[in-house]
Amino acid sequence: MAASKFDDTLAAIELNAARKLNWDYKQFKECFSFTVNQEAIEIAPKKIQLQESDLQTLKQALLDYGFQYKKTVNDFILVFEQDVELR
């Protein structure tokens, strides 16, 4: 996927995740940092520790856009990659 498509999709993914968590979008943006890194999205909680239920909801929000959970870096940054079959 081209970087420009990532950039175009990122805001929609953030909005979807905030909606699924039942959070205000502004509150969501203050609590999470979304970064596009090549063909992956990295999500780092800024001010909170995620509950397991919120983590599952966040994973589902990214699945809606064809991204699957890949790994956690340093028990902090969640990395999602686009489904290989969709590339």
C-alpha atoms as a PDB file:
ATOM      1  CA  MET A   1       0.000   0.000   0.000  1.00  0.00           C
ATOM      2  CA  ALA A   2       1.368   3.426  -0.887  1.00  0.00           C
ATOM      3  CA  ALA A   3       2.194   5.840   1.913  1.00  0.00           C
ATOM      4  CA  SER A   4      -0.387   8.340   0.662  1.00  0.00           C
ATOM      5  CA  LYS A   5      -3.129   5.727   1.050  1.00  0.00           C
ATOM      6  CA  PHE A   6      -1.951   5.141   4.619  1.00  0.00           C
ATOM      7  CA  ASP A   7      -2.132   8.857   5.324  1.00  0.00           C
ATOM      8  CA  ASP A   8      -5.617   9.087   3.800  1.00  0.00           C
ATOM      9  CA  THR A   9      -6.851   6.124   5.845  1.00  0.00           C
ATOM     10  CA  LEU A  10      -5.250   6.957   9.192  1.00  0.00           C
ATOM     11  CA  ALA A  11      -7.836   9.544  10.305  1.00  0.00           C
ATOM     12  CA  ALA A  12     -10.679   7.171   9.455  1.00  0.00           C
ATOM     13  CA  ILE A  13      -9.011   4.409  11.477  1.00  0.00           C
ATOM     14  CA  GLU A  14      -8.569   6.761  14.453  1.00  0.00           C
ATOM     15  CA  LEU A  15     -12.215   7.861  14.272  1.00  0.00           C
ATOM     16  CA  ASN A  16     -13.384   4.260  14.058  1.00  0.00           C
ATOM     17  CA  ALA A  17     -11.246   3.241  17.044  1.00  0.00           C
ATOM     18  CA  ALA A  18     -12.498   6.172  19.142  1.00  0.00           C
ATOM     19  CA  ARG A  19     -16.103   5.347  18.251  1.00  0.00           C
ATOM     20  CA  LYS A  20     -15.685   1.657  19.102  1.00  0.00           C
ATOM     21  CA  LEU A  21     -14.163   2.579  22.479  1.00  0.00           C
ATOM     22  CA  ASN A  22     -17.031   5.061  23.047  1.00  0.00           C
ATOM     23  CA  TRP A  23     -14.510   7.856  23.559  1.00  0.00           C
ATOM     24  CA  ASP A  24     -14.589  11.431  22.383  1.00  0.00           C
ATOM     25  CA  TYR A  25     -12.222  11.804  19.400  1.00  0.00           C
ATOM     26  CA  LYS A  26     -10.283  14.625  21.097  1.00  0.00           C
ATOM     27  CA  GLN A  27      -9.824  12.492  24.227  1.00  0.00           C
ATOM     28  CA  PHE A  28      -8.720   9.584  22.030  1.00  0.00           C
ATOM     29  CA  LYS A  29      -6.099  11.712  20.232  1.00  0.00           C
ATOM     30  CA  GLU A  30      -4.747  12.908  23.592  1.00  0.00           C
ATOM     31  CA  CYS A  31      -4.340   9.319  24.817  1.00  0.00           C
ATOM     32  CA  PHE A  32      -2.927   7.576  21.731  1.00  0.00           C
ATOM     33  CA  SER A  33      -0.204   8.270  19.218  1.00  0.00           C
ATOM     34  CA  PHE A  34      -0.724   6.672  15.796  1.00  0.00           C
ATOM     35  CA  THR A  35       2.349   6.423  13.573  1.00  0.00           C
ATOM     36  CA  VAL A  36       2.608   5.053  10.058  1.00  0.00           C
ATOM     37  CA  ASN A  37       5.823   3.093   9.649  1.00  0.00           C
ATOM     38  CA  GLN A  38       6.251   1.687   6.127  1.00  0.00           C
ATOM     39  CA  GLU A  39       3.276  -0.641   5.725  1.00  0.00           C
ATOM     40  CA  ALA A  40       2.396  -0.833   9.402  1.00  0.00           C
ATOM     41  CA  ILE A  41       0.576   1.294  11.949  1.00  0.00           C
ATOM     42  CA  GLU A  42       2.132   1.703  15.382  1.00  0.00           C
ATOM     43  CA  ILE A  43      -0.107   2.743  18.269  1.00  0.00           C
ATOM     44  CA  ALA A  44       1.375   3.989  21.523  1.00  0.00           C
ATOM     45  CA  PRO A  45      -0.787   4.884  24.525  1.00  0.00           C
ATOM     46  CA  LYS A  46       0.413   8.283  25.819  1.00  0.00           C
ATOM     47  CA  LYS A  47      -1.248   8.786  29.172  1.00  0.00           C
ATOM     48  CA  ILE A  48      -3.076   5.600  30.010  1.00  0.00           C
ATOM     49  CA  GLN A  49      -2.616   1.928  30.581  1.00  0.00           C
ATOM     50  CA  LEU A  50      -4.964  -0.020  28.358  1.00  0.00           C
ATOM     51  CA  GLN A  51      -7.387  -2.473  29.887  1.00  0.00           C
ATOM     52  CA  GLU A  52      -7.566  -5.857  28.148  1.00  0.00           C
ATOM     53  CA  SER A  53     -11.119  -5.145  26.931  1.00  0.00           C
ATOM     54  CA  ASP A  54     -10.017  -1.807  25.421  1.00  0.00           C
ATOM     55  CA  LEU A  55      -7.073  -3.529  23.764  1.00  0.00           C
ATOM     56  CA  GLN A  56      -9.398  -6.066  22.141  1.00  0.00           C
ATOM     57  CA  THR A  57     -11.703  -3.265  20.972  1.00  0.00           C
ATOM     58  CA  LEU A  58      -8.748  -1.380  19.498  1.00  0.00           C
ATOM     59  CA  LYS A  59      -7.596  -4.515  17.677  1.00  0.00           C
ATOM     60  CA  GLN A  60     -11.100  -4.983  16.255  1.00  0.00           C
ATOM     61  CA  ALA A  61     -11.204  -1.374  15.057  1.00  0.00           C
ATOM     62  CA  LEU A  62      -8.051  -1.968  13.021  1.00  0.00           C
ATOM     63  CA  LEU A  63      -9.353  -5.281  11.704  1.00  0.00           C
ATOM     64  CA  ASP A  64     -12.242  -3.273  10.211  1.00  0.00           C
ATOM     65  CA  TYR A  65      -9.661  -1.697   7.891  1.00  0.00           C
ATOM     66  CA  GLY A  66      -7.795  -4.899   7.080  1.00  0.00           C
ATOM     67  CA  PHE A  67      -4.992  -4.481   9.636  1.00  0.00           C
ATOM     68  CA  GLN A  68      -4.033  -7.337  11.902  1.00  0.00           C
ATOM     69  CA  TYR A  69      -2.178  -7.202  15.185  1.00  0.00           C
ATOM     70  CA  LYS A  70       1.439  -8.222  14.628  1.00  0.00           C
ATOM     71  CA  LYS A  71       3.394  -7.583  17.834  1.00  0.00           C
ATOM     72  CA  THR A  72       3.948  -5.420  20.889  1.00  0.00           C
ATOM     73  CA  VAL A  73       7.245  -3.559  21.172  1.00  0.00           C
ATOM     74  CA  ASN A  74       8.622  -3.074  24.693  1.00  0.00           C
ATOM     75  CA  ASP A  75       5.194  -3.915  26.172  1.00  0.00           C
ATOM     76  CA  PHE A  76       4.054  -0.511  24.940  1.00  0.00           C
ATOM     77  CA  ILE A  77       3.771   0.035  21.186  1.00  0.00           C
ATOM     78  CA  LEU A  78       1.208  -2.082  19.336  1.00  0.00           C
ATOM     79  CA  VAL A  79       2.104  -2.827  15.722  1.00  0.00           C
ATOM     80  CA  PHE A  80      -0.542  -3.639  13.129  1.00  0.00           C
ATOM     81  CA  GLU A  81       0.141  -4.676   9.545  1.00  0.00           C
ATOM     82  CA  GLN A  82      -2.210  -4.917   6.665  1.00  0.00           C
ATOM     83  CA  ASP A  83      -3.414  -8.422   5.924  1.00  0.00           C
ATOM     84  CA  VAL A  84      -0.978  -9.950   3.439  1.00  0.00           C
ATOM     85  CA  GLU A  85      -3.891 -11.312   1.379  1.00  0.00           C
ATOM     86  CA  LEU A  86      -5.217  -7.772   0.887  1.00  0.00           C
ATOM     87  CA  ARG A  87      -1.934  -6.325  -0.401  1.00  0.00           C
END
